[in-house]
C-alpha atoms as a PDB file:
ATOM      1  CA  MET A   1      -0.088  -0.021   0.074  1.00  0.00           C
ATOM      2  CA  TYR A   2       1.365   3.550  -0.619  1.00  0.00           C
ATOM      3  CA  VAL A   3      -0.118   6.114   1.047  1.00  0.00           C
ATOM      4  CA  ILE A   4      -0.196  10.141   0.000  1.00  0.00           C
ATOM      5  CA  ALA A   5      -0.968  12.931   1.953  1.00  0.00           C
ATOM      6  CA  HIS A   6      -2.608  16.046  -0.003  1.00  0.00           C
ATOM      7  CA  LEU A   7      -2.913  19.552   1.268  1.00  0.00           C
ATOM      8  CA  SER A   8      -3.855  23.078   0.117  1.00  0.00           C
ATOM      9  CA  ASP A   9      -3.928  26.631  -0.061  1.00  0.00           C
ATOM     10  CA  PRO A  10      -2.053  27.150   3.433  1.00  0.00           C
ATOM     11  CA  HIS A  11      -1.718  31.107   2.906  1.00  0.00           C
ATOM     12  CA  LEU A  12       1.389  31.055   5.151  1.00  0.00           C
ATOM     13  CA  GLY A  13       1.420  34.390   7.208  1.00  0.00           C
ATOM     14  CA  PRO A  14       1.908  37.083   8.597  1.00  0.00           C
ATOM     15  CA  ILE A  15       2.536  38.881   5.325  1.00  0.00           C
ATOM     16  CA  PRO A  16       5.743  40.785   5.413  1.00  0.00           C
ATOM     17  CA  GLU A  17       6.667  44.073   5.502  1.00  0.00           C
ATOM     18  CA  ALA A  18       6.629  45.773   1.982  1.00  0.00           C
ATOM     19  CA  ARG A  19       8.006  48.958  -0.222  1.00  0.00           C
ATOM     20  CA  LEU A  20       5.074  51.419  -1.137  1.00  0.00           C
ATOM     21  CA  SER A  21       5.877  50.450  -4.743  1.00  0.00           C
ATOM     22  CA  GLU A  22       5.570  46.986  -3.973  1.00  0.00           C
ATOM     23  CA  LEU A  23       1.935  47.232  -2.436  1.00  0.00           C
ATOM     24  CA  LEU A  24       0.589  49.384  -6.254  1.00  0.00           C
ATOM     25  CA  GLY A  25      -1.848  47.464  -8.158  1.00  0.00           C
ATOM     26  CA  LYS A  26      -3.027  44.217  -7.055  1.00  0.00           C
ATOM     27  CA  ARG A  27      -0.841  43.658  -4.229  1.00  0.00           C
ATOM     28  CA  PHE A  28      -2.479  46.663  -2.605  1.00  0.00           C
ATOM     29  CA  PHE A  29      -6.301  45.012  -2.991  1.00  0.00           C
ATOM     30  CA  GLY A  30      -4.629  41.274  -1.915  1.00  0.00           C
ATOM     31  CA  MET A  31      -3.251  43.071   1.369  1.00  0.00           C
ATOM     32  CA  MET A  32      -6.378  44.979   2.505  1.00  0.00           C
ATOM     33  CA  ASN A  33      -7.937  41.591   2.244  1.00  0.00           C
ATOM     34  CA  TRP A  34      -5.390  39.938   4.353  1.00  0.00           C
ATOM     35  CA  ILE A  35      -5.834  42.634   6.612  1.00  0.00           C
ATOM     36  CA  GLY A  36      -9.944  42.460   6.444  1.00  0.00           C
ATOM     37  CA  ALA A  37     -10.587  38.800   6.897  1.00  0.00           C
ATOM     38  CA  ARG A  38      -7.484  36.250   5.882  1.00  0.00           C
ATOM     39  CA  ARG A  39      -5.393  37.102   9.191  1.00  0.00           C
ATOM     40  CA  ARG A  40      -8.355  36.497  11.534  1.00  0.00           C
ATOM     41  CA  ASN A  41      -9.740  33.002   9.662  1.00  0.00           C
ATOM     42  CA  PHE A  42      -6.126  31.415   8.593  1.00  0.00           C
ATOM     43  CA  GLY A  43      -3.123  31.091  11.144  1.00  0.00           C
ATOM     44  CA  ALA A  44      -0.195  28.786  12.811  1.00  0.00           C
ATOM     45  CA  SER A  45      -2.682  28.099  15.643  1.00  0.00           C
ATOM     46  CA  THR A  46      -4.689  25.960  13.170  1.00  0.00           C
ATOM     47  CA  LEU A  47      -1.759  24.913  10.398  1.00  0.00           C
ATOM     48  CA  GLY A  48       0.476  23.463  13.086  1.00  0.00           C
ATOM     49  CA  PRO A  49      -1.570  20.954  15.035  1.00  0.00           C
ATOM     50  CA  LEU A  50      -3.048  19.737  11.558  1.00  0.00           C
ATOM     51  CA  MET A  51       0.752  19.409  10.346  1.00  0.00           C
ATOM     52  CA  ASP A  52       1.822  17.679  13.637  1.00  0.00           C
ATOM     53  CA  ASP A  53      -1.413  15.005  12.773  1.00  0.00           C
ATOM     54  CA  LEU A  54      -0.106  14.435   8.998  1.00  0.00           C
ATOM     55  CA  ALA A  55       3.124  13.609  10.290  1.00  0.00           C
ATOM     56  CA  ALA A  56       2.016  11.072  12.793  1.00  0.00           C
ATOM     57  CA  GLN A  57       0.208   9.519  10.033  1.00  0.00           C
ATOM     58  CA  ASP A  58       3.509   8.742   8.328  1.00  0.00           C
ATOM     59  CA  PRO A  59       2.460   9.538   4.578  1.00  0.00           C
ATOM     60  CA  ASP A  60       4.734   7.875   1.568  1.00  0.00           C
ATOM     61  CA  HIS A  61       4.256  11.438  -0.139  1.00  0.00           C
ATOM     62  CA  ILE A  62       2.630  14.639   0.333  1.00  0.00           C
ATOM     63  CA  CYS A  63       1.458  16.644  -2.025  1.00  0.00           C
ATOM     64  CA  VAL A  64       0.416  20.580  -2.096  1.00  0.00           C
ATOM     65  CA  THR A  65      -1.878  22.189  -4.480  1.00  0.00           C
ATOM     66  CA  GLY A  66      -0.744  25.590  -4.080  1.00  0.00           C
ATOM     67  CA  ASP A  67      -1.558  28.941  -2.546  1.00  0.00           C
ATOM     68  CA  LEU A  68       1.454  29.031   0.053  1.00  0.00           C
ATOM     69  CA  VAL A  69       1.537  32.587   0.071  1.00  0.00           C
ATOM     70  CA  ASN A  70      -0.607  35.423  -0.172  1.00  0.00           C
ATOM     71  CA  VAL A  71       0.549  38.347  -2.262  1.00  0.00           C
ATOM     72  CA  SER A  72       3.825  37.188  -3.982  1.00  0.00           C
ATOM     73  CA  LEU A  73       5.990  39.629  -1.848  1.00  0.00           C
ATOM     74  CA  PRO A  74       9.557  37.789  -2.231  1.00  0.00           C
ATOM     75  CA  GLU A  75      10.408  37.057   1.471  1.00  0.00           C
ATOM     76  CA  GLU A  76       6.901  35.122   1.259  1.00  0.00           C
ATOM     77  CA  PHE A  77       8.264  32.500  -0.903  1.00  0.00           C
ATOM     78  CA  ASP A  78      11.117  31.876   1.445  1.00  0.00           C
ATOM     79  CA  THR A  79       8.609  31.251   3.896  1.00  0.00           C
ATOM     80  CA  GLY A  80       7.037  29.015   1.430  1.00  0.00           C
ATOM     81  CA  ALA A  81      10.196  27.047   0.869  1.00  0.00           C
ATOM     82  CA  THR A  82      10.464  26.568   5.047  1.00  0.00           C
ATOM     83  CA  PHE A  83       7.027  25.216   4.884  1.00  0.00           C
ATOM     84  CA  LEU A  84       7.769  22.523   2.127  1.00  0.00           C
ATOM     85  CA  SER A  85      10.824  21.455   4.010  1.00  0.00           C
ATOM     86  CA  SER A  86       9.026  21.121   7.397  1.00  0.00           C
ATOM     87  CA  LEU A  87       7.166  18.262   5.584  1.00  0.00           C
ATOM     88  CA  GLY A  88       9.796  16.392   4.206  1.00  0.00           C
ATOM     89  CA  ALA A  89      12.642  15.767   1.844  1.00  0.00           C
ATOM     90  CA  PRO A  90      11.903  17.397  -1.576  1.00  0.00           C
ATOM     91  CA  GLU A  91      11.873  13.498  -2.904  1.00  0.00           C
ATOM     92  CA  LYS A  92       8.926  13.275  -0.686  1.00  0.00           C
ATOM     93  CA  VAL A  93       7.041  16.281  -0.959  1.00  0.00           C
ATOM     94  CA  SER A  94       5.353  17.507  -4.276  1.00  0.00           C
ATOM     95  CA  VAL A  95       4.034  21.074  -5.041  1.00  0.00           C
ATOM     96  CA  VAL A  96       2.336  22.786  -7.798  1.00  0.00           C
ATOM     97  CA  PRO A  97       1.516  26.546  -7.454  1.00  0.00           C
ATOM     98  CA  GLY A  98      -1.912  28.241  -7.263  1.00  0.00           C
ATOM     99  CA  ASN A  99      -2.708  31.896  -8.411  1.00  0.00           C
ATOM    100  CA  HIS A 100      -1.820  33.554  -5.086  1.00  0.00           C
ATOM    101  CA  ASP A 101       1.857  32.319  -6.070  1.00  0.00           C
ATOM    102  CA  ALA A 102       1.430  33.727  -9.124  1.00  0.00           C
ATOM    103  CA  TYR A 103       0.095  37.117  -7.998  1.00  0.00           C
ATOM    104  CA  VAL A 104       1.506  39.475 -10.111  1.00  0.00           C
ATOM    105  CA  ARG A 105       3.767  39.009 -13.636  1.00  0.00           C
ATOM    106  CA  SER A 106       6.715  40.607 -11.650  1.00  0.00           C
ATOM    107  CA  ALA A 107       6.610  37.507  -9.374  1.00  0.00           C
ATOM    108  CA  MET A 108       6.070  34.582 -11.209  1.00  0.00           C
ATOM    109  CA  HIS A 109      10.027  33.351 -11.158  1.00  0.00           C
ATOM    110  CA  TYR A 110       9.955  33.211  -7.360  1.00  0.00           C
ATOM    111  CA  HIS A 111       8.256  29.801  -7.162  1.00  0.00           C
ATOM    112  CA  LEU A 112       9.968  28.500  -9.791  1.00  0.00           C
ATOM    113  CA  GLU A 113      13.006  29.331  -8.477  1.00  0.00           C
ATOM    114  CA  ARG A 114      12.640  28.939  -4.822  1.00  0.00           C
ATOM    115  CA  TRP A 115      10.480  26.072  -4.501  1.00  0.00           C
ATOM    116  CA  ALA A 116      12.355  23.871  -7.565  1.00  0.00           C
ATOM    117  CA  PRO A 117      13.368  21.038  -5.411  1.00  0.00           C
ATOM    118  CA  PHE A 118       9.762  20.231  -4.690  1.00  0.00           C
ATOM    119  CA  LEU A 119       8.264  21.025  -8.250  1.00  0.00           C
ATOM    120  CA  ALA A 120      11.202  19.354 -10.787  1.00  0.00           C
ATOM    121  CA  GLY A 121      10.128  16.227 -12.452  1.00  0.00           C
ATOM    122  CA  ASP A 122      12.169  13.040 -11.876  1.00  0.00           C
ATOM    123  CA  ASP A 123      14.056  13.748 -15.596  1.00  0.00           C
ATOM    124  CA  THR A 124      15.259  17.307 -14.880  1.00  0.00           C
ATOM    125  CA  HIS A 125      18.796  18.048 -14.371  1.00  0.00           C
ATOM    126  CA  PRO A 126      19.983  19.494 -11.026  1.00  0.00           C
ATOM    127  CA  HIS A 127      21.315  22.439 -12.808  1.00  0.00           C
ATOM    128  CA  THR A 128      18.952  23.011 -15.490  1.00  0.00           C
ATOM    129  CA  PRO A 129      16.219  25.935 -14.303  1.00  0.00           C
ATOM    130  CA  VAL A 130      12.534  25.223 -13.930  1.00  0.00           C
ATOM    131  CA  ASP A 131      10.738  27.319 -15.825  1.00  0.00           C
ATOM    132  CA  VAL A 132       6.864  27.402 -16.816  1.00  0.00           C
ATOM    133  CA  ASP A 133       7.959  24.745 -19.727  1.00  0.00           C
ATOM    134  CA  SER A 134       8.812  22.262 -16.985  1.00  0.00           C
ATOM    135  CA  PHE A 135       5.246  21.667 -16.563  1.00  0.00           C
ATOM    136  CA  PRO A 136       3.518  19.149 -16.250  1.00  0.00           C
ATOM    137  CA  PHE A 137       6.004  17.447 -14.281  1.00  0.00           C
ATOM    138  CA  VAL A 138       5.993  13.675 -13.186  1.00  0.00           C
ATOM    139  CA  ARG A 139       7.659  11.878 -10.090  1.00  0.00           C
ATOM    140  CA  ARG A 140       7.524   8.079 -10.333  1.00  0.00           C
ATOM    141  CA  ARG A 141       7.151   6.675  -6.629  1.00  0.00           C
ATOM    142  CA  GLY A 142       6.776   2.686  -6.864  1.00  0.00           C
ATOM    143  CA  ASP A 143       3.446   2.174  -8.513  1.00  0.00           C
ATOM    144  CA  VAL A 144       2.415   5.688  -8.153  1.00  0.00           C
ATOM    145  CA  ALA A 145       2.968   8.488 -10.732  1.00  0.00           C
ATOM    146  CA  VAL A 146       2.446  12.007  -9.246  1.00  0.00           C
ATOM    147  CA  VAL A 147       1.948  14.811 -12.401  1.00  0.00           C
ATOM    148  CA  GLY A 148       1.933  18.464 -11.307  1.00  0.00           C
ATOM    149  CA  VAL A 149      -0.088  20.514 -13.603  1.00  0.00           C
ATOM    150  CA  SER A 150       0.408  24.623 -13.197  1.00  0.00           C
ATOM    151  CA  THR A 151      -2.527  26.611 -13.470  1.00  0.00           C
ATOM    152  CA  ALA A 152      -0.815  29.797 -12.169  1.00  0.00           C
ATOM    153  CA  VAL A 153      -1.089  32.744 -14.439  1.00  0.00           C
ATOM    154  CA  PRO A 154      -1.025  36.138 -13.415  1.00  0.00           C
ATOM    155  CA  THR A 155      -4.175  38.055 -13.625  1.00  0.00           C
ATOM    156  CA  ALA A 156      -5.737  41.617 -13.126  1.00  0.00           C
ATOM    157  CA  VAL A 157      -7.232  42.918 -10.294  1.00  0.00           C
ATOM    158  CA  PHE A 158     -10.043  41.087  -8.407  1.00  0.00           C
ATOM    159  CA  LEU A 159      -9.504  37.777 -11.004  1.00  0.00           C
ATOM    160  CA  ALA A 160      -8.025  34.765  -9.361  1.00  0.00           C
ATOM    161  CA  SER A 161      -8.573  32.569 -12.942  1.00  0.00           C
ATOM    162  CA  GLY A 162      -6.110  30.259 -13.795  1.00  0.00           C
ATOM    163  CA  GLU A 163      -5.552  28.265 -17.150  1.00  0.00           C
ATOM    164  CA  ALA A 164      -3.215  25.273 -17.716  1.00  0.00           C
ATOM    165  CA  GLY A 165      -2.651  26.275 -21.879  1.00  0.00           C
ATOM    166  CA  ARG A 166      -2.285  24.492 -24.638  1.00  0.00           C
ATOM    167  CA  GLY A 167       1.053  23.780 -24.975  1.00  0.00           C
ATOM    168  CA  GLN A 168       1.005  22.117 -21.503  1.00  0.00           C
ATOM    169  CA  LEU A 169      -2.139  20.177 -22.270  1.00  0.00           C
ATOM    170  CA  GLY A 170      -0.463  18.846 -25.088  1.00  0.00           C
ATOM    171  CA  ARG A 171       2.590  17.447 -23.051  1.00  0.00           C
ATOM    172  CA  LEU A 172       0.107  16.346 -20.453  1.00  0.00           C
ATOM    173  CA  ALA A 173      -1.842  13.937 -22.870  1.00  0.00           C
ATOM    174  CA  ALA A 174       1.214  12.189 -23.979  1.00  0.00           C
ATOM    175  CA  LEU A 175       2.548  11.747 -20.239  1.00  0.00           C
ATOM    176  CA  LEU A 176      -0.737  10.232 -19.093  1.00  0.00           C
ATOM    177  CA  THR A 177      -0.547   7.945 -22.100  1.00  0.00           C
ATOM    178  CA  GLU A 178       3.027   6.887 -21.307  1.00  0.00           C
ATOM    179  CA  LEU A 179       2.352   6.278 -17.520  1.00  0.00           C
ATOM    180  CA  GLN A 180      -0.775   4.170 -18.639  1.00  0.00           C
ATOM    181  CA  GLU A 181       1.591   2.173 -20.582  1.00  0.00           C
ATOM    182  CA  GLU A 182       3.883   1.433 -17.854  1.00  0.00           C
ATOM    183  CA  GLY A 183       1.225   0.536 -15.613  1.00  0.00           C
ATOM    184  CA  LEU A 184       1.435   3.336 -12.860  1.00  0.00           C
ATOM    185  CA  PHE A 185      -1.562   4.800 -10.447  1.00  0.00           C
ATOM    186  CA  ARG A 186      -1.277   8.356 -11.814  1.00  0.00           C
ATOM    187  CA  VAL A 187      -2.321  11.325  -9.459  1.00  0.00           C
ATOM    188  CA  VAL A 188      -2.917  14.700 -11.203  1.00  0.00           C
ATOM    189  CA  MET A 189      -1.892  17.619  -8.935  1.00  0.00           C
ATOM    190  CA  ILE A 190      -3.703  21.003 -10.054  1.00  0.00           C
ATOM    191  CA  HIS A 191      -4.236  24.049  -8.160  1.00  0.00           C
ATOM    192  CA  HIS A 192      -7.795  25.258 -10.058  1.00  0.00           C
ATOM    193  CA  PRO A 193     -10.490  22.424 -10.131  1.00  0.00           C
ATOM    194  CA  PRO A 194     -11.355  21.389 -13.338  1.00  0.00           C
ATOM    195  CA  VAL A 195     -15.133  20.049 -12.462  1.00  0.00           C
ATOM    196  CA  GLY A 196     -17.747  22.183 -11.046  1.00  0.00           C
ATOM    197  CA  GLU A 197     -19.331  25.525 -11.306  1.00  0.00           C
ATOM    198  CA  ARG A 198     -17.899  29.029  -9.517  1.00  0.00           C
ATOM    199  CA  PRO A 199     -17.743  32.576 -10.557  1.00  0.00           C
ATOM    200  CA  PHE A 200     -15.862  33.693 -13.911  1.00  0.00           C
ATOM    201  CA  HIS A 201     -13.439  35.519 -11.487  1.00  0.00           C
ATOM    202  CA  ARG A 202     -12.275  32.096  -9.957  1.00  0.00           C
ATOM    203  CA  ASP A 203     -12.552  29.524 -12.607  1.00  0.00           C
ATOM    204  CA  LEU A 204     -10.300  27.565 -14.590  1.00  0.00           C
ATOM    205  CA  ARG A 205     -10.340  29.039 -17.947  1.00  0.00           C
ATOM    206  CA  ASP A 206      -9.833  25.988 -19.728  1.00  0.00           C
ATOM    207  CA  ALA A 207     -11.470  23.707 -17.782  1.00  0.00           C
ATOM    208  CA  ALA A 208     -13.231  21.590 -20.638  1.00  0.00           C
ATOM    209  CA  ALA A 209      -9.878  21.335 -22.091  1.00  0.00           C
ATOM    210  CA  VAL A 210      -8.344  19.998 -19.195  1.00  0.00           C
ATOM    211  CA  ARG A 211     -11.265  17.364 -18.833  1.00  0.00           C
ATOM    212  CA  ALA A 212     -10.912  16.359 -22.253  1.00  0.00           C
ATOM    213  CA  VAL A 213      -7.569  15.535 -21.880  1.00  0.00           C
ATOM    214  CA  LEU A 214      -8.261  13.876 -18.864  1.00  0.00           C
ATOM    215  CA  ALA A 215     -11.067  11.717 -19.995  1.00  0.00           C
ATOM    216  CA  ARG A 216      -9.254  10.743 -23.079  1.00  0.00           C
ATOM    217  CA  ALA A 217      -5.461   9.932 -21.696  1.00  0.00           C
ATOM    218  CA  GLY A 218      -6.869   8.833 -18.587  1.00  0.00           C
ATOM    219  CA  ALA A 219      -5.870   9.154 -14.879  1.00  0.00           C
ATOM    220  CA  GLU A 220      -6.840   7.342 -11.174  1.00  0.00           C
ATOM    221  CA  LEU A 221      -7.252  10.305  -9.079  1.00  0.00           C
ATOM    222  CA  VAL A 222      -7.021  14.213  -9.858  1.00  0.00           C
ATOM    223  CA  ILE A 223      -6.435  16.222  -6.908  1.00  0.00           C
ATOM    224  CA  HIS A 224      -7.172  20.025  -6.387  1.00  0.00           C
ATOM    225  CA  GLY A 225      -7.304  23.229  -3.606  1.00  0.00           C
ATOM    226  CA  HIS A 226      -8.566  26.647  -4.758  1.00  0.00           C
ATOM    227  CA  ASP A 227     -11.846  26.572  -3.262  1.00  0.00           C
ATOM    228  CA  HIS A 228     -11.179  26.259   0.183  1.00  0.00           C
ATOM    229  CA  ARG A 229     -13.823  23.687   0.433  1.00  0.00           C
ATOM    230  CA  ALA A 230     -14.060  19.706   1.024  1.00  0.00           C
ATOM    231  CA  SER A 231     -15.180  18.387  -2.222  1.00  0.00           C
ATOM    232  CA  LEU A 232     -15.545  15.022  -4.511  1.00  0.00           C
ATOM    233  CA  GLY A 233     -16.203  15.292  -8.001  1.00  0.00           C
ATOM    234  CA  ARG A 234     -16.035  13.151 -11.165  1.00  0.00           C
ATOM    235  CA  ILE A 235     -14.705  13.155 -14.769  1.00  0.00           C
ATOM    236  CA  PRO A 236     -16.369  10.667 -16.863  1.00  0.00           C
ATOM    237  CA  ALA A 237     -14.287   8.502 -18.880  1.00  0.00           C
ATOM    238  CA  PRO A 238     -14.064   5.395 -20.968  1.00  0.00           C
ATOM    239  CA  GLY A 239     -12.017   3.501 -18.513  1.00  0.00           C
ATOM    240  CA  GLY A 240     -14.411   4.540 -15.734  1.00  0.00           C
ATOM    241  CA  ALA A 241     -14.946   7.833 -13.830  1.00  0.00           C
ATOM    242  CA  ILE A 242     -11.976  10.164 -12.396  1.00  0.00           C
ATOM    243  CA  PRO A 243     -12.497  10.827  -9.089  1.00  0.00           C
ATOM    244  CA  VAL A 244     -11.748  14.701  -8.213  1.00  0.00           C
ATOM    245  CA  VAL A 245     -11.068  15.836  -4.766  1.00  0.00           C
ATOM    246  CA  GLY A 246     -10.771  18.978  -2.962  1.00  0.00           C
ATOM    247  CA  VAL A 247      -9.503  20.269   0.133  1.00  0.00           C
ATOM    248  CA  PRO A 248     -10.209  22.997   2.408  1.00  0.00           C
ATOM    249  CA  SER A 249      -7.666  25.526   3.297  1.00  0.00           C
ATOM    250  CA  ALA A 250      -4.939  23.895   5.663  1.00  0.00           C
ATOM    251  CA  SER A 251      -4.751  27.384   7.903  1.00  0.00           C
ATOM    252  CA  ALA A 252      -8.402  27.537   7.549  1.00  0.00           C
ATOM    253  CA  GLY A 253      -9.968  28.141  11.648  1.00  0.00           C
ATOM    254  CA  PRO A 254     -12.889  25.733  13.015  1.00  0.00           C
ATOM    255  CA  GLU A 255     -15.499  28.627  12.502  1.00  0.00           C
ATOM    256  CA  ASP A 256     -14.507  29.137   9.034  1.00  0.00           C
ATOM    257  CA  ASP A 257     -17.588  29.747   6.462  1.00  0.00           C
ATOM    258  CA  ARG A 258     -16.214  27.202   3.595  1.00  0.00           C
ATOM    259  CA  GLY A 259     -15.032  24.601   6.147  1.00  0.00           C
ATOM    260  CA  PRO A 260     -12.354  24.215   8.690  1.00  0.00           C
ATOM    261  CA  GLY A 261      -8.807  22.992   8.095  1.00  0.00           C
ATOM    262  CA  GLY A 262      -8.075  19.774   6.951  1.00  0.00           C
ATOM    263  CA  TYR A 263      -5.898  17.479   4.553  1.00  0.00           C
ATOM    264  CA  CYS A 264      -6.848  14.147   2.937  1.00  0.00           C
ATOM    265  CA  LEU A 265      -4.926  10.715   2.831  1.00  0.00           C
ATOM    266  CA  TYR A 266      -5.239   8.519  -0.344  1.00  0.00           C
ATOM    267  CA  ARG A 267      -4.504   4.930   0.478  1.00  0.00           C
ATOM    268  CA  VAL A 268      -3.460   3.296  -2.831  1.00  0.00           C
ATOM    269  CA  SER A 269      -3.334  -0.444  -3.186  1.00  0.00           C
ATOM    270  CA  GLY A 270      -3.972  -3.381  -6.325  1.00  0.00           C
ATOM    271  CA  ALA A 271      -2.031  -3.194  -9.557  1.00  0.00           C
ATOM    272  CA  HIS A 272      -2.510  -2.108 -12.549  1.00  0.00           C
ATOM    273  CA  GLY A 273      -6.168  -2.718 -13.925  1.00  0.00           C
ATOM    274  CA  ALA A 274      -7.452  -3.229 -10.321  1.00  0.00           C
ATOM    275  CA  TRP A 275      -6.644  -0.509  -8.269  1.00  0.00           C
ATOM    276  CA  ARG A 276      -7.932   0.168  -5.189  1.00  0.00           C
ATOM    277  CA  CYS A 277      -7.826   3.940  -3.637  1.00  0.00           C
ATOM    278  CA  GLU A 278      -9.358   4.656  -0.365  1.00  0.00           C
ATOM    279  CA  MET A 279      -9.727   8.586   0.898  1.00  0.00           C
ATOM    280  CA  GLU A 280      -9.551   9.573   4.603  1.00  0.00           C
ATOM    281  CA  ARG A 281     -10.635  13.234   5.496  1.00  0.00           C
ATOM    282  CA  ARG A 282      -8.764  14.490   8.414  1.00  0.00           C
ATOM    283  CA  GLY A 283      -9.105  17.717   9.997  1.00  0.00           C
ATOM    284  CA  TYR A 284     -10.967  19.814  12.369  1.00  0.00           C
ATOM    285  CA  ALA A 285     -15.120  18.960  12.615  1.00  0.00           C
ATOM    286  CA  PRO A 286     -16.809  22.574  12.493  1.00  0.00           C
ATOM    287  CA  GLY A 287     -16.751  24.000  15.948  1.00  0.00           C
ATOM    288  CA  SER A 288     -13.629  21.741  17.079  1.00  0.00           C
ATOM    289  CA  SER A 289     -10.377  22.686  18.030  1.00  0.00           C
ATOM    290  CA  THR A 290      -9.065  18.846  17.682  1.00  0.00           C
ATOM    291  CA  VAL A 291      -8.098  17.315  14.388  1.00  0.00           C
ATOM    292  CA  GLN A 292      -9.387  13.886  14.114  1.00  0.00           C
ATOM    293  CA  SER A 293     -10.424  11.548  11.175  1.00  0.00           C
ATOM    294  CA  LEU A 294     -13.880  12.892   9.668  1.00  0.00           C
ATOM    295  CA  GLY A 295     -14.658   9.656   7.328  1.00  0.00           C
ATOM    296  CA  CYS A 296     -13.341   7.423   4.632  1.00  0.00           C
ATOM    297  CA  GLU A 297     -14.669   6.540   1.216  1.00  0.00           C
ATOM    298  CA  VAL A 298     -13.600   4.370  -1.410  1.00  0.00           C
ATOM    299  CA  LEU A 299     -12.827   6.261  -4.876  1.00  0.00           C
ATOM    300  CA  SER A 300     -12.110   3.064  -6.795  1.00  0.00           C
ATOM    301  CA  GLY A 301     -11.772  -0.341  -6.717  1.00  0.00           C
END
């Protein structure tokens, strides 16, 4: 059995001090959002015990589906790197960026540089810089292949949408087909959910194209963040519907109206053609200050 942990959207705080020139435009509104709401609803008092519980479960691999930072100030990415390192070695921890990790165009390179060990694929040469064309990456871990897709693109003020892009989707289709031929259990990490309805300013612009690639090439599991809610959807596919799982923000307090902090464990067993995947949700029940199991569900097999 191979155990994968999945968390998302920690929005690590506090936001560091910044020069006035750094807070012009979109960052200003993001800072106001942090001051007005996020710093009260998201915090270490929630995240710390949750990560202690995750460590106690001793998963084989940890997947983080984006939004480690808030307004993409340079120092925030150092905080993100420290957080990723606290979870484990880069070989055991994978991350994909979210929209907050690409908040403004001038910050696009920060996650690529400072989180490179955690988002570099197995075939990436240690001295080769990671860039936007490095996605999707793949990490083979036993019978499991973790595939990281980036939907992080800079957007205008008040937009939190994302896009995979035609080039990345072409590479994803070929990669998923190759991994299927290798007989691996394919886990696709993506920040913006490819299923469900949400306002246009928070949507995955090419969600239909992403679903088409997944349905055609296949995958055993898709995991995402962005909505700050626990969710389970499906993508119809010839080989059987693909489960699509979302998790709450890992830093959300017990009273958060979209759901208190939590994460998922996926227990993968079986073999090619006969996989079994069981999901356990762990976190805070509404109003509770104790991290606990919130229930299990068989996703496939």
